[in-house]
Amino acid sequence: MIHLNGLNGGINHTYGGEIDVLPTILHLAGINTKEYIQVGSDLLSNRHKELVAFRDKNFVTSKYTVVNSSKGPQVYSNETGELIELIDNPELVDKIEKWQDQVNEKLKISDAVNNKNLLRFYTPNGFTPVDPNDDSYNYLNQIQRLIKTRESLGTGSTSLYSKNDNKSTTHLYNTDATELNGDRTPIDDWSYVLKNDAKN
């Protein structure tokens, strides 16, 4: 969800993945990312390719969802959800093979960067390497740090939680997502989160 002055309201039906979020937000903030290393692309750009790769090598395009199986790719129409027979559709088979090659390449690049820590070689002008011993880069204590920031800001905090009298707004969110099975755990305050986080 993006709220920005000058951006017309509405729903954008562009298909994209999590890797596309960063370049989209950076461009909206007016940051030139030409020299950045990114696998994703700006969702609002007319050059964005609507090809969303998943870790299991399945993928989604603007028209099709492709699920790999032992019998070969199973292709579904995004509009109807119906399985599409590929036997009499060699043109679609060719497209799927090309898309699959692109998906495999994206995953290969992502794996190489992550598994081989290739970003350690990325040193553009003005780049300051991260000191791994600096606690501000420790993501295991994010909730505690957020709470500390909120408390230091007091009434100046602009978080949704603070603006709602330090109460969660999760009860306002409704969805028919099947993966949630209608189960909604109320979060009344951050202490609930911290206690459960500590247990895990």
Protein backbone atom coordinates (compact mmCIF):
# COMPACT_ATOMS: atom_id res chain seq x y z
CA MET A 1 0.00 0.00 0.00
CA ILE A 2 1.43 3.35 -1.03
CA HIS A 3 0.13 6.74 0.10
CA LEU A 4 1.91 9.62 -1.59
CA ASN A 5 1.02 13.17 -2.55
CA GLY A 6 0.52 13.41 -6.30
CA LEU A 7 -0.16 9.70 -6.70
CA ASN A 8 -3.69 9.04 -7.91
CA GLY A 9 -5.65 6.69 -5.69
CA GLY A 10 -6.84 3.30 -6.84
CA ILE A 11 -5.77 -0.28 -7.24
CA ASN A 12 -2.84 -1.16 -9.49
CA HIS A 13 -3.16 -4.71 -10.78
CA THR A 14 0.49 -5.05 -11.81
CA TYR A 15 1.98 -8.41 -10.88
CA GLY A 16 5.18 -8.22 -8.83
CA GLY A 17 7.20 -9.89 -6.12
CA GLU A 18 8.87 -8.77 -2.91
CA ILE A 19 12.08 -8.02 -4.83
CA ASP A 20 10.18 -5.28 -6.69
CA VAL A 21 9.21 -3.36 -3.54
CA LEU A 22 12.59 -1.71 -2.90
CA PRO A 23 13.14 -0.28 -6.40
CA THR A 24 9.53 0.94 -6.46
CA ILE A 25 9.83 2.79 -3.14
CA LEU A 26 13.26 4.20 -3.99
CA HIS A 27 11.96 5.61 -7.28
CA LEU A 28 8.91 7.10 -5.57
CA ALA A 29 11.33 8.78 -3.15
CA GLY A 30 13.17 10.27 -6.12
CA ILE A 31 16.30 8.15 -5.74
CA ASN A 32 18.17 7.22 -8.92
CA THR A 33 18.97 3.50 -8.68
CA LYS A 34 20.83 3.20 -11.98
CA GLU A 35 24.08 2.17 -10.25
CA TYR A 36 22.39 -0.09 -7.68
CA ILE A 37 22.51 -3.88 -7.80
CA GLN A 38 18.89 -5.05 -7.80
CA VAL A 39 17.16 -8.12 -9.15
CA GLY A 40 13.69 -6.54 -9.00
CA SER A 41 12.24 -3.60 -10.89
CA ASP A 42 9.95 -0.63 -10.30
CA LEU A 43 6.33 -1.85 -10.27
CA LEU A 44 5.15 1.48 -11.66
CA SER A 45 7.58 1.48 -14.60
CA ASN A 46 6.32 0.61 -18.07
CA ARG A 47 9.48 -1.50 -18.40
CA HIS A 48 8.52 -3.76 -15.48
CA LYS A 49 8.11 -7.38 -16.57
CA GLU A 50 5.22 -9.05 -14.81
CA LEU A 51 7.04 -12.27 -14.04
CA VAL A 52 7.01 -13.34 -10.38
CA ALA A 53 9.39 -16.15 -9.45
CA PHE A 54 8.91 -18.41 -6.44
CA ARG A 55 11.62 -20.38 -4.62
CA ASP A 56 10.25 -23.69 -5.90
CA LYS A 57 10.68 -22.40 -9.50
CA ASN A 58 6.95 -21.97 -9.99
CA PHE A 59 5.96 -18.56 -11.33
CA VAL A 60 3.14 -16.19 -12.14
CA THR A 61 2.72 -13.85 -15.11
CA SER A 62 -0.02 -11.34 -15.75
CA LYS A 63 -2.12 -14.06 -17.44
CA TYR A 64 -0.87 -17.41 -16.17
CA THR A 65 0.14 -19.28 -13.03
CA VAL A 66 2.66 -22.04 -13.75
CA VAL A 67 3.15 -24.87 -11.27
CA ASN A 68 5.87 -27.41 -12.02
CA SER A 69 5.11 -31.06 -11.43
CA SER A 70 6.52 -34.48 -12.34
CA LYS A 71 4.17 -34.43 -15.37
CA GLY A 72 5.56 -31.13 -16.55
CA PRO A 73 4.28 -27.59 -16.08
CA GLN A 74 0.64 -27.20 -15.06
CA VAL A 75 -0.63 -23.89 -16.44
CA TYR A 76 -3.65 -22.10 -15.00
CA SER A 77 -5.51 -19.06 -16.23
CA ASN A 78 -5.31 -16.24 -13.69
CA GLU A 79 -8.68 -14.96 -14.87
CA THR A 80 -10.66 -18.19 -14.55
CA GLY A 81 -8.41 -20.47 -12.47
CA GLU A 82 -8.90 -23.22 -15.05
CA LEU A 83 -6.14 -25.60 -16.12
CA ILE A 84 -4.98 -24.89 -19.67
CA GLU A 85 -4.16 -27.83 -21.95
CA LEU A 86 -0.77 -27.35 -23.60
CA ILE A 87 -0.97 -30.14 -26.17
CA ASP A 88 -2.57 -27.95 -28.82
CA ASN A 89 -0.81 -24.74 -27.80
CA PRO A 90 2.88 -24.85 -28.90
CA GLU A 91 3.12 -21.04 -28.81
CA LEU A 92 2.27 -20.99 -25.10
CA VAL A 93 4.69 -23.86 -24.47
CA ASP A 94 7.49 -21.76 -26.01
CA LYS A 95 6.56 -18.77 -23.84
CA ILE A 96 6.53 -20.90 -20.71
CA GLU A 97 9.99 -22.30 -21.51
CA LYS A 98 11.38 -18.77 -21.98
CA TRP A 99 9.73 -17.56 -18.77
CA GLN A 100 11.09 -20.60 -16.92
CA ASP A 101 14.62 -19.78 -18.14
CA GLN A 102 14.21 -16.22 -16.80
CA VAL A 103 12.90 -17.50 -13.45
CA ASN A 104 15.79 -19.97 -13.13
CA GLU A 105 18.29 -17.19 -13.90
CA LYS A 106 16.77 -14.88 -11.26
CA LEU A 107 16.93 -17.62 -8.65
CA LYS A 108 20.50 -18.49 -9.66
CA ILE A 109 21.59 -14.86 -9.24
CA SER A 110 19.77 -14.53 -5.92
CA ASP A 111 21.33 -17.74 -4.60
CA ALA A 112 24.82 -16.68 -5.71
CA VAL A 113 24.51 -13.28 -4.02
CA ASN A 114 23.16 -14.74 -0.77
CA ASN A 115 25.02 -18.04 -0.46
CA LYS A 116 28.39 -16.64 -1.50
CA ASN A 117 27.93 -13.26 0.23
CA LEU A 118 28.78 -11.48 -3.02
CA LEU A 119 27.70 -8.08 -1.69
CA ARG A 120 30.98 -7.95 0.23
CA PHE A 121 32.57 -7.02 -3.11
CA TYR A 122 30.08 -4.22 -3.79
CA THR A 123 31.91 -1.00 -2.94
CA PRO A 124 30.55 1.95 -4.99
CA ASN A 125 31.80 5.52 -4.44
CA GLY A 126 30.84 6.83 -1.02
CA PHE A 127 30.06 3.36 0.26
CA THR A 128 30.71 2.73 3.94
CA PRO A 129 31.03 -0.97 4.78
CA VAL A 130 28.79 -2.25 7.56
CA ASP A 131 30.50 -3.19 10.80
CA PRO A 132 28.82 -6.49 11.73
CA ASN A 133 29.64 -5.81 15.39
CA ASP A 134 27.54 -2.63 15.34
CA ASP A 135 24.38 -3.46 17.32
CA SER A 136 22.25 -1.19 15.12
CA TYR A 137 22.47 -3.91 12.45
CA ASN A 138 21.28 -6.64 14.79
CA TYR A 139 17.83 -7.59 13.53
CA LEU A 140 17.12 -9.95 16.42
CA ASN A 141 16.05 -7.07 18.67
CA GLN A 142 13.94 -5.05 16.23
CA ILE A 143 10.79 -5.04 18.35
CA GLN A 144 12.67 -3.87 21.43
CA ARG A 145 14.34 -1.10 19.40
CA LEU A 146 11.01 0.02 17.95
CA ILE A 147 9.49 0.19 21.42
CA LYS A 148 12.47 2.20 22.69
CA THR A 149 12.13 4.63 19.77
CA ARG A 150 8.40 5.01 20.38
CA GLU A 151 8.94 5.67 24.07
CA SER A 152 11.66 8.26 23.38
CA LEU A 153 9.35 10.10 20.97
CA GLY A 154 6.43 10.08 23.42
CA THR A 155 3.46 12.02 22.00
CA GLY A 156 5.60 12.87 18.96
CA SER A 157 5.47 9.29 17.71
CA THR A 158 3.60 9.02 14.41
CA SER A 159 3.29 5.23 14.32
CA LEU A 160 -0.19 3.82 13.77
CA TYR A 161 0.13 2.00 17.09
CA SER A 162 0.88 5.28 18.95
CA LYS A 163 -1.88 7.17 17.15
CA ASN A 164 -4.31 4.48 18.30
CA ASP A 165 -3.60 5.05 22.02
CA ASN A 166 -0.94 2.31 22.07
CA LYS A 167 -3.40 -0.36 20.99
CA SER A 168 -3.19 -2.71 18.04
CA THR A 169 -5.35 -2.15 14.97
CA THR A 170 -5.18 -5.79 13.83
CA HIS A 171 -8.83 -6.31 14.73
CA LEU A 172 -9.75 -3.78 12.01
CA TYR A 173 -8.20 -5.96 9.31
CA ASN A 174 -10.50 -8.46 7.64
CA THR A 175 -9.59 -10.96 4.97
CA ASP A 176 -10.99 -14.04 3.33
CA ALA A 177 -7.47 -15.47 2.84
CA THR A 178 -7.81 -19.22 3.16
CA GLU A 179 -4.37 -19.61 4.71
CA LEU A 180 -5.59 -17.79 7.82
CA ASN A 181 -8.66 -20.05 8.19
CA GLY A 182 -10.49 -17.22 9.87
CA ASP A 183 -8.09 -17.44 12.82
CA ARG A 184 -7.28 -14.01 14.18
CA THR A 185 -5.13 -13.68 17.26
CA PRO A 186 -5.73 -10.33 18.95
CA ILE A 187 -2.65 -8.33 19.84
CA ASP A 188 -3.64 -5.84 22.52
CA ASP A 189 -0.19 -4.46 23.23
CA TRP A 190 3.49 -4.97 22.48
CA SER A 191 4.03 -6.95 25.68
CA TYR A 192 1.99 -9.75 24.08
CA VAL A 193 4.32 -9.70 21.09
CA LEU A 194 7.43 -9.67 23.24
CA LYS A 195 6.28 -12.53 25.46
CA ASN A 196 5.48 -14.74 22.48
CA ASP A 197 8.64 -13.66 20.67
CA ALA A 198 10.66 -14.66 23.73
CA LYS A 199 9.00 -18.10 23.78
CA ASN A 200 9.99 -18.71 20.17
